[in-house]
N, C-alpha and C. Protein backbone atom coordinates (compact mmCIF):
# COMPACT_ATOMS: atom_id res chain seq x y z
N MET A 1 66.07 10.20 -43.39
CA MET A 1 66.09 8.85 -43.90
C MET A 1 65.20 8.71 -45.13
N LYS A 2 64.03 9.38 -45.15
CA LYS A 2 63.17 9.31 -46.32
C LYS A 2 63.87 9.86 -47.54
N GLU A 3 64.66 10.94 -47.35
CA GLU A 3 65.39 11.55 -48.46
C GLU A 3 66.32 10.52 -49.08
N PHE A 4 67.06 9.78 -48.24
CA PHE A 4 67.98 8.78 -48.75
C PHE A 4 67.22 7.68 -49.48
N SER A 5 66.11 7.25 -48.96
CA SER A 5 65.35 6.18 -49.58
C SER A 5 64.85 6.59 -50.96
N ARG A 6 64.31 7.80 -51.07
CA ARG A 6 63.85 8.27 -52.38
C ARG A 6 65.02 8.39 -53.34
N TYR A 7 66.14 8.86 -52.83
CA TYR A 7 67.34 9.02 -53.64
C TYR A 7 67.81 7.67 -54.16
N ARG A 8 67.86 6.69 -53.27
CA ARG A 8 68.32 5.35 -53.65
C ARG A 8 67.35 4.71 -54.64
N VAL A 9 66.05 4.85 -54.40
CA VAL A 9 65.06 4.29 -55.31
C VAL A 9 65.18 4.92 -56.69
N ALA A 10 65.34 6.24 -56.74
CA ALA A 10 65.49 6.93 -58.03
C ALA A 10 66.75 6.45 -58.74
N GLY A 11 67.82 6.28 -58.01
CA GLY A 11 69.06 5.79 -58.60
C GLY A 11 68.93 4.39 -59.13
N LEU A 12 68.33 3.54 -58.34
CA LEU A 12 68.14 2.16 -58.77
C LEU A 12 67.22 2.08 -59.98
N LEU A 13 66.20 2.91 -60.00
CA LEU A 13 65.28 2.93 -61.13
C LEU A 13 66.01 3.36 -62.40
N GLY A 14 66.79 4.41 -62.32
CA GLY A 14 67.54 4.88 -63.49
C GLY A 14 68.50 3.84 -64.01
N VAL A 15 69.24 3.21 -63.10
CA VAL A 15 70.19 2.19 -63.51
C VAL A 15 69.44 0.97 -64.04
N ALA A 16 68.34 0.60 -63.40
CA ALA A 16 67.56 -0.56 -63.86
C ALA A 16 67.03 -0.35 -65.27
N VAL A 17 66.50 0.83 -65.54
CA VAL A 17 66.00 1.12 -66.88
C VAL A 17 67.13 1.03 -67.89
N ALA A 18 68.26 1.59 -67.56
CA ALA A 18 69.40 1.56 -68.48
C ALA A 18 69.87 0.13 -68.70
N PHE A 19 70.02 -0.64 -67.63
CA PHE A 19 70.50 -2.01 -67.79
C PHE A 19 69.47 -2.89 -68.46
N CYS A 20 68.21 -2.61 -68.24
CA CYS A 20 67.16 -3.37 -68.91
C CYS A 20 67.29 -3.18 -70.42
N ALA A 21 67.50 -1.97 -70.82
CA ALA A 21 67.68 -1.70 -72.25
C ALA A 21 68.98 -2.34 -72.74
N PHE A 22 70.04 -2.29 -71.91
CA PHE A 22 71.30 -2.93 -72.29
C PHE A 22 71.09 -4.41 -72.53
N ALA A 23 70.24 -5.03 -71.69
CA ALA A 23 70.03 -6.48 -71.76
C ALA A 23 69.10 -6.87 -72.90
N GLY A 24 68.48 -5.92 -73.54
CA GLY A 24 67.64 -6.24 -74.68
C GLY A 24 66.16 -6.17 -74.40
N CYS A 25 65.74 -5.70 -73.24
CA CYS A 25 64.32 -5.60 -72.92
C CYS A 25 63.61 -4.58 -73.79
N GLY A 26 64.35 -3.73 -74.45
CA GLY A 26 63.77 -2.66 -75.25
C GLY A 26 63.55 -3.07 -76.70
N GLY A 27 63.29 -4.34 -76.96
CA GLY A 27 63.04 -4.76 -78.32
C GLY A 27 64.35 -4.90 -79.08
N ASP A 28 64.49 -4.15 -80.17
CA ASP A 28 65.68 -4.24 -81.01
C ASP A 28 66.79 -3.30 -80.58
N ARG A 29 66.66 -2.69 -79.44
CA ARG A 29 67.68 -1.74 -78.98
C ARG A 29 68.93 -2.46 -78.54
N THR A 30 70.05 -1.77 -78.70
CA THR A 30 71.32 -2.25 -78.17
C THR A 30 71.74 -1.27 -77.09
N GLU A 31 72.81 -1.64 -76.37
CA GLU A 31 73.28 -0.74 -75.31
C GLU A 31 73.68 0.62 -75.85
N LEU A 32 74.09 0.67 -77.10
CA LEU A 32 74.49 1.95 -77.67
C LEU A 32 73.29 2.86 -77.92
N ASP A 33 72.08 2.29 -78.02
CA ASP A 33 70.89 3.09 -78.27
C ASP A 33 70.51 3.98 -77.09
N ILE A 34 70.94 3.62 -75.89
CA ILE A 34 70.57 4.44 -74.74
C ILE A 34 71.74 5.26 -74.20
N LEU A 35 72.82 5.28 -74.95
CA LEU A 35 73.94 6.13 -74.56
C LEU A 35 73.86 7.43 -75.33
N PRO A 36 73.85 8.54 -74.62
CA PRO A 36 73.86 9.82 -75.33
C PRO A 36 75.20 9.99 -76.03
N SER A 37 75.21 10.81 -77.04
CA SER A 37 76.49 11.14 -77.69
C SER A 37 77.38 11.80 -76.64
N GLU A 38 78.66 11.82 -76.92
CA GLU A 38 79.59 12.46 -75.98
C GLU A 38 79.22 13.92 -75.79
N ASP A 39 78.83 14.60 -76.88
CA ASP A 39 78.46 16.02 -76.78
C ASP A 39 77.22 16.22 -75.90
N LYS A 40 76.20 15.37 -76.09
CA LYS A 40 74.98 15.49 -75.27
C LYS A 40 75.27 15.16 -73.82
N ALA A 41 76.09 14.15 -73.59
CA ALA A 41 76.44 13.78 -72.22
C ALA A 41 77.20 14.91 -71.53
N ARG A 42 78.16 15.49 -72.24
CA ARG A 42 78.94 16.61 -71.68
C ARG A 42 78.03 17.80 -71.37
N ALA A 43 77.10 18.10 -72.31
CA ALA A 43 76.19 19.23 -72.11
C ALA A 43 75.29 18.99 -70.89
N ALA A 44 74.81 17.76 -70.72
CA ALA A 44 73.96 17.44 -69.56
C ALA A 44 74.74 17.59 -68.27
N LEU A 45 75.98 17.10 -68.25
CA LEU A 45 76.83 17.23 -67.07
C LEU A 45 77.09 18.69 -66.77
N GLU A 46 77.38 19.48 -67.79
CA GLU A 46 77.63 20.91 -67.58
C GLU A 46 76.39 21.61 -67.03
N LYS A 47 75.21 21.29 -67.56
CA LYS A 47 73.97 21.89 -67.05
C LYS A 47 73.73 21.49 -65.60
N ALA A 48 74.00 20.22 -65.29
CA ALA A 48 73.81 19.76 -63.91
C ALA A 48 74.74 20.49 -62.95
N LEU A 49 76.02 20.57 -63.30
CA LEU A 49 76.97 21.23 -62.40
C LEU A 49 76.73 22.73 -62.31
N THR A 50 76.27 23.33 -63.38
CA THR A 50 75.91 24.76 -63.34
C THR A 50 74.72 24.97 -62.41
N ALA A 51 73.76 24.04 -62.45
CA ALA A 51 72.61 24.12 -61.54
C ALA A 51 73.07 24.01 -60.09
N TRP A 52 73.99 23.10 -59.81
CA TRP A 52 74.53 22.94 -58.46
C TRP A 52 75.21 24.24 -58.03
N LYS A 53 76.06 24.78 -58.89
CA LYS A 53 76.78 26.01 -58.57
C LYS A 53 75.83 27.17 -58.30
N SER A 54 74.68 27.18 -58.99
CA SER A 54 73.72 28.28 -58.81
C SER A 54 72.76 28.04 -57.64
N GLY A 55 72.94 26.92 -56.92
CA GLY A 55 72.16 26.70 -55.71
C GLY A 55 70.96 25.78 -55.83
N GLN A 56 70.73 25.18 -57.01
CA GLN A 56 69.61 24.23 -57.13
C GLN A 56 69.91 22.98 -56.32
N LYS A 57 68.86 22.27 -55.98
CA LYS A 57 69.00 21.00 -55.26
C LYS A 57 69.28 19.89 -56.25
N ALA A 58 69.95 18.84 -55.76
CA ALA A 58 70.20 17.65 -56.57
C ALA A 58 68.87 16.98 -56.87
N GLY A 59 68.81 16.27 -57.96
CA GLY A 59 67.58 15.60 -58.38
C GLY A 59 67.27 16.01 -59.79
N LYS A 60 66.03 16.39 -60.03
CA LYS A 60 65.62 16.80 -61.36
C LYS A 60 66.06 18.24 -61.60
N ILE A 61 66.75 18.44 -62.72
CA ILE A 61 67.18 19.79 -63.10
C ILE A 61 66.00 20.43 -63.83
N GLN A 62 65.58 21.55 -63.34
CA GLN A 62 64.37 22.21 -63.85
C GLN A 62 64.56 22.74 -65.26
N ALA A 63 63.47 22.70 -66.03
CA ALA A 63 63.35 23.33 -67.34
C ALA A 63 64.37 22.83 -68.36
N GLU A 64 64.69 21.57 -68.32
CA GLU A 64 65.61 21.02 -69.31
C GLU A 64 64.88 20.01 -70.19
N SER A 65 65.21 20.02 -71.46
CA SER A 65 64.66 19.04 -72.38
C SER A 65 65.81 18.60 -73.29
N PRO A 66 66.19 17.36 -73.30
CA PRO A 66 65.60 16.29 -72.51
C PRO A 66 65.85 16.51 -71.02
N GLY A 67 65.07 15.83 -70.22
CA GLY A 67 65.20 15.96 -68.77
C GLY A 67 66.57 15.50 -68.29
N ILE A 68 66.97 16.04 -67.17
CA ILE A 68 68.24 15.65 -66.53
C ILE A 68 67.93 15.32 -65.07
N GLU A 69 68.34 14.13 -64.65
CA GLU A 69 68.21 13.69 -63.26
C GLU A 69 69.62 13.48 -62.72
N VAL A 70 69.89 14.02 -61.53
CA VAL A 70 71.23 13.94 -60.94
C VAL A 70 71.18 13.14 -59.65
N LEU A 71 72.13 12.22 -59.53
CA LEU A 71 72.32 11.48 -58.29
C LEU A 71 73.74 11.72 -57.82
N ASP A 72 73.87 12.62 -56.86
CA ASP A 72 75.16 13.00 -56.31
C ASP A 72 74.96 13.22 -54.82
N SER A 73 75.45 12.30 -54.01
CA SER A 73 75.21 12.37 -52.57
C SER A 73 75.88 13.57 -51.92
N VAL A 74 77.00 14.01 -52.43
CA VAL A 74 77.68 15.18 -51.86
C VAL A 74 76.84 16.42 -52.09
N TRP A 75 76.34 16.58 -53.29
CA TRP A 75 75.44 17.70 -53.63
C TRP A 75 74.18 17.59 -52.80
N ARG A 76 73.58 16.41 -52.78
CA ARG A 76 72.34 16.20 -52.03
C ARG A 76 72.50 16.55 -50.55
N ASP A 77 73.68 16.28 -50.01
CA ASP A 77 73.92 16.53 -48.59
C ASP A 77 74.23 17.98 -48.27
N GLY A 78 74.19 18.85 -49.28
CA GLY A 78 74.28 20.28 -49.03
C GLY A 78 75.60 20.95 -49.31
N ALA A 79 76.57 20.24 -49.87
CA ALA A 79 77.84 20.89 -50.20
C ALA A 79 77.61 21.99 -51.24
N LYS A 80 78.38 23.05 -51.14
CA LYS A 80 78.27 24.19 -52.05
C LYS A 80 79.40 24.11 -53.08
N LEU A 81 79.03 24.10 -54.35
CA LEU A 81 80.00 24.06 -55.43
C LEU A 81 80.38 25.49 -55.81
N THR A 82 81.69 25.76 -55.84
CA THR A 82 82.13 27.11 -56.23
C THR A 82 82.68 27.15 -57.64
N SER A 83 83.26 26.04 -58.12
CA SER A 83 83.73 26.00 -59.51
C SER A 83 83.89 24.55 -59.95
N PHE A 84 83.93 24.38 -61.28
CA PHE A 84 84.14 23.05 -61.85
C PHE A 84 84.81 23.18 -63.20
N ASP A 85 85.50 22.12 -63.58
CA ASP A 85 86.14 22.05 -64.90
C ASP A 85 85.97 20.62 -65.39
N ILE A 86 85.21 20.46 -66.47
CA ILE A 86 84.95 19.13 -67.02
C ILE A 86 86.09 18.78 -67.97
N GLY A 87 86.75 17.67 -67.69
CA GLY A 87 87.85 17.22 -68.53
C GLY A 87 87.35 16.37 -69.70
N GLN A 88 88.26 15.62 -70.26
CA GLN A 88 87.95 14.77 -71.40
C GLN A 88 87.09 13.59 -70.98
N ALA A 89 86.38 13.04 -71.93
CA ALA A 89 85.64 11.80 -71.70
C ALA A 89 86.64 10.69 -71.42
N VAL A 90 86.24 9.75 -70.57
CA VAL A 90 87.10 8.64 -70.16
C VAL A 90 86.40 7.34 -70.51
N GLU A 91 87.12 6.39 -71.08
CA GLU A 91 86.56 5.08 -71.39
C GLU A 91 86.57 4.21 -70.14
N LYS A 92 85.40 3.75 -69.73
CA LYS A 92 85.27 2.80 -68.62
C LYS A 92 84.21 1.80 -69.05
N PRO A 93 84.58 0.79 -69.85
CA PRO A 93 83.56 -0.15 -70.31
C PRO A 93 82.97 -0.92 -69.14
N GLY A 94 81.70 -1.27 -69.30
CA GLY A 94 81.03 -2.08 -68.30
C GLY A 94 81.47 -3.53 -68.40
N PRO A 95 81.02 -4.38 -67.48
CA PRO A 95 81.45 -5.78 -67.48
C PRO A 95 80.97 -6.54 -68.72
N ASN A 96 79.89 -6.08 -69.35
CA ASN A 96 79.34 -6.78 -70.51
C ASN A 96 79.37 -5.93 -71.77
N GLY A 97 80.29 -5.01 -71.86
CA GLY A 97 80.36 -4.17 -73.05
C GLY A 97 80.33 -2.71 -72.69
N PRO A 98 79.81 -1.88 -73.60
CA PRO A 98 79.80 -0.43 -73.36
C PRO A 98 79.03 -0.06 -72.10
N GLY A 99 79.54 0.93 -71.42
CA GLY A 99 78.86 1.44 -70.23
C GLY A 99 78.48 2.89 -70.47
N PRO A 100 78.18 3.60 -69.41
CA PRO A 100 77.81 5.02 -69.55
C PRO A 100 78.98 5.85 -70.07
N ARG A 101 78.67 7.09 -70.43
CA ARG A 101 79.72 8.05 -70.78
C ARG A 101 80.32 8.54 -69.47
N TRP A 102 81.63 8.54 -69.35
CA TRP A 102 82.32 8.97 -68.14
C TRP A 102 83.14 10.21 -68.41
N PHE A 103 83.16 11.11 -67.41
CA PHE A 103 83.96 12.33 -67.49
C PHE A 103 84.67 12.54 -66.16
N GLU A 104 85.91 12.97 -66.25
CA GLU A 104 86.66 13.40 -65.07
C GLU A 104 86.38 14.88 -64.89
N VAL A 105 86.04 15.28 -63.66
CA VAL A 105 85.69 16.66 -63.38
C VAL A 105 86.50 17.15 -62.18
N LYS A 106 87.05 18.34 -62.31
CA LYS A 106 87.72 18.98 -61.18
C LYS A 106 86.68 19.86 -60.50
N LEU A 107 86.33 19.51 -59.27
CA LEU A 107 85.34 20.25 -58.50
C LEU A 107 86.03 21.02 -57.38
N THR A 108 85.55 22.22 -57.12
CA THR A 108 85.98 22.96 -55.94
C THR A 108 84.73 23.27 -55.14
N LEU A 109 84.70 22.71 -53.93
CA LEU A 109 83.58 22.95 -53.02
C LEU A 109 83.98 24.06 -52.05
N GLN A 110 82.99 24.74 -51.54
CA GLN A 110 83.23 25.83 -50.59
C GLN A 110 84.09 25.32 -49.44
N ASP A 111 85.13 26.07 -49.09
CA ASP A 111 86.03 25.74 -47.99
C ASP A 111 86.75 24.42 -48.16
N SER A 112 87.00 24.01 -49.41
CA SER A 112 87.70 22.75 -49.68
C SER A 112 88.72 22.93 -50.79
N GLU A 113 89.68 22.05 -50.81
CA GLU A 113 90.65 22.00 -51.91
C GLU A 113 89.97 21.38 -53.13
N PRO A 114 90.43 21.71 -54.33
CA PRO A 114 89.88 21.07 -55.53
C PRO A 114 90.06 19.55 -55.46
N GLN A 115 89.11 18.86 -56.04
CA GLN A 115 89.16 17.40 -56.06
C GLN A 115 88.74 16.90 -57.44
N LYS A 116 89.25 15.73 -57.82
CA LYS A 116 88.85 15.12 -59.09
C LYS A 116 87.79 14.07 -58.80
N VAL A 117 86.71 14.15 -59.57
CA VAL A 117 85.57 13.25 -59.40
C VAL A 117 85.17 12.73 -60.78
N SER A 118 84.77 11.47 -60.85
CA SER A 118 84.26 10.92 -62.10
C SER A 118 82.74 10.95 -62.08
N TYR A 119 82.16 11.31 -63.22
CA TYR A 119 80.71 11.31 -63.39
C TYR A 119 80.34 10.43 -64.57
N ALA A 120 79.25 9.68 -64.42
CA ALA A 120 78.69 8.87 -65.49
C ALA A 120 77.43 9.54 -66.00
N VAL A 121 77.22 9.49 -67.31
CA VAL A 121 75.99 10.01 -67.92
C VAL A 121 75.44 8.92 -68.82
N LEU A 122 74.15 8.60 -68.64
CA LEU A 122 73.50 7.59 -69.47
C LEU A 122 72.04 7.94 -69.65
N GLY A 123 71.39 7.22 -70.54
CA GLY A 123 69.97 7.44 -70.81
C GLY A 123 69.77 8.41 -71.96
N LEU A 124 68.52 8.59 -72.31
CA LEU A 124 68.17 9.50 -73.40
C LEU A 124 67.25 10.61 -72.92
N ASP A 125 66.14 10.27 -72.27
CA ASP A 125 65.23 11.26 -71.72
C ASP A 125 64.43 10.59 -70.61
N PRO A 126 64.88 10.80 -69.37
CA PRO A 126 65.89 11.76 -68.96
C PRO A 126 67.31 11.21 -69.15
N LEU A 127 68.24 12.14 -69.14
CA LEU A 127 69.65 11.80 -69.04
C LEU A 127 69.96 11.70 -67.55
N TRP A 128 70.64 10.65 -67.15
CA TRP A 128 70.98 10.43 -65.74
C TRP A 128 72.44 10.79 -65.54
N VAL A 129 72.73 11.64 -64.56
CA VAL A 129 74.09 12.05 -64.22
C VAL A 129 74.37 11.51 -62.82
N TYR A 130 75.41 10.66 -62.72
CA TYR A 130 75.77 10.04 -61.46
C TYR A 130 77.19 10.38 -61.07
N ARG A 131 77.41 10.70 -59.80
CA ARG A 131 78.76 10.71 -59.24
C ARG A 131 79.18 9.24 -59.19
N GLU A 132 80.43 8.93 -59.46
CA GLU A 132 80.87 7.54 -59.56
C GLU A 132 80.50 6.70 -58.33
N ALA A 133 80.72 7.22 -57.14
CA ALA A 133 80.41 6.46 -55.93
C ALA A 133 78.92 6.13 -55.85
N ASP A 134 78.06 7.06 -56.27
CA ASP A 134 76.62 6.82 -56.23
C ASP A 134 76.20 5.84 -57.33
N TYR A 135 76.86 5.88 -58.46
CA TYR A 135 76.60 4.93 -59.54
C TYR A 135 76.93 3.52 -59.06
N LYS A 136 78.07 3.37 -58.42
CA LYS A 136 78.49 2.05 -57.91
C LYS A 136 77.51 1.53 -56.86
N LYS A 137 77.06 2.41 -55.97
CA LYS A 137 76.08 2.00 -54.96
C LYS A 137 74.78 1.57 -55.60
N ALA A 138 74.30 2.34 -56.57
CA ALA A 138 73.03 2.03 -57.23
C ALA A 138 73.12 0.70 -57.99
N CYS A 139 74.31 0.38 -58.49
CA CYS A 139 74.50 -0.86 -59.25
C CYS A 139 74.85 -2.03 -58.34
N GLY A 140 74.98 -1.78 -57.04
CA GLY A 140 75.36 -2.85 -56.12
C GLY A 140 76.83 -3.23 -56.21
N MET A 141 77.65 -2.32 -56.70
CA MET A 141 79.07 -2.62 -56.87
C MET A 141 79.89 -2.23 -55.64
N GLU A 142 79.26 -1.66 -54.63
CA GLU A 142 79.99 -1.24 -53.43
C GLU A 142 79.45 -1.91 -52.23
C-alpha cells in the first residue's frame, strides 16, 4: 500500500507541476513552454521503455539528463516487457488547449499477446512519462 501511495503522490505532483505551469503560475510561461519537443518526448519514452525491458524498476530512470520519471502501474506491478515499438505521435489536446505529447506504443509483455498502449510525455526536467490510464487517474479523470 505504501508503494501505491508514493506512486500516486509522485504522479499527482508531476501533473500538478505541469498544470500549474499551464495555468500561468510559472510567470510568463505558456503551456507550450513545458512541453518537450516531439523528438525529446520520443527519446524519453524510448529510454524509459528500454529501461523497463532491461529490468529496471518503474520510477526514476537512472543516469538520465534531463531526468525521466515514469508512472506506469503495469510496469510497477512487475510485468516483464519483452519488446516495444513506438508509433507516431498522436494529437490529444487537453480540455483547455495543448496537452502532453502522446504516442501509441505496441508493447509485448512476457507470456502475453502484443497490445497497443498510449503514453503521455510532459515536462522539461524531469520529463514525465505516463501510461494513459495512470495519467487519467493522476488527473482525476477516472
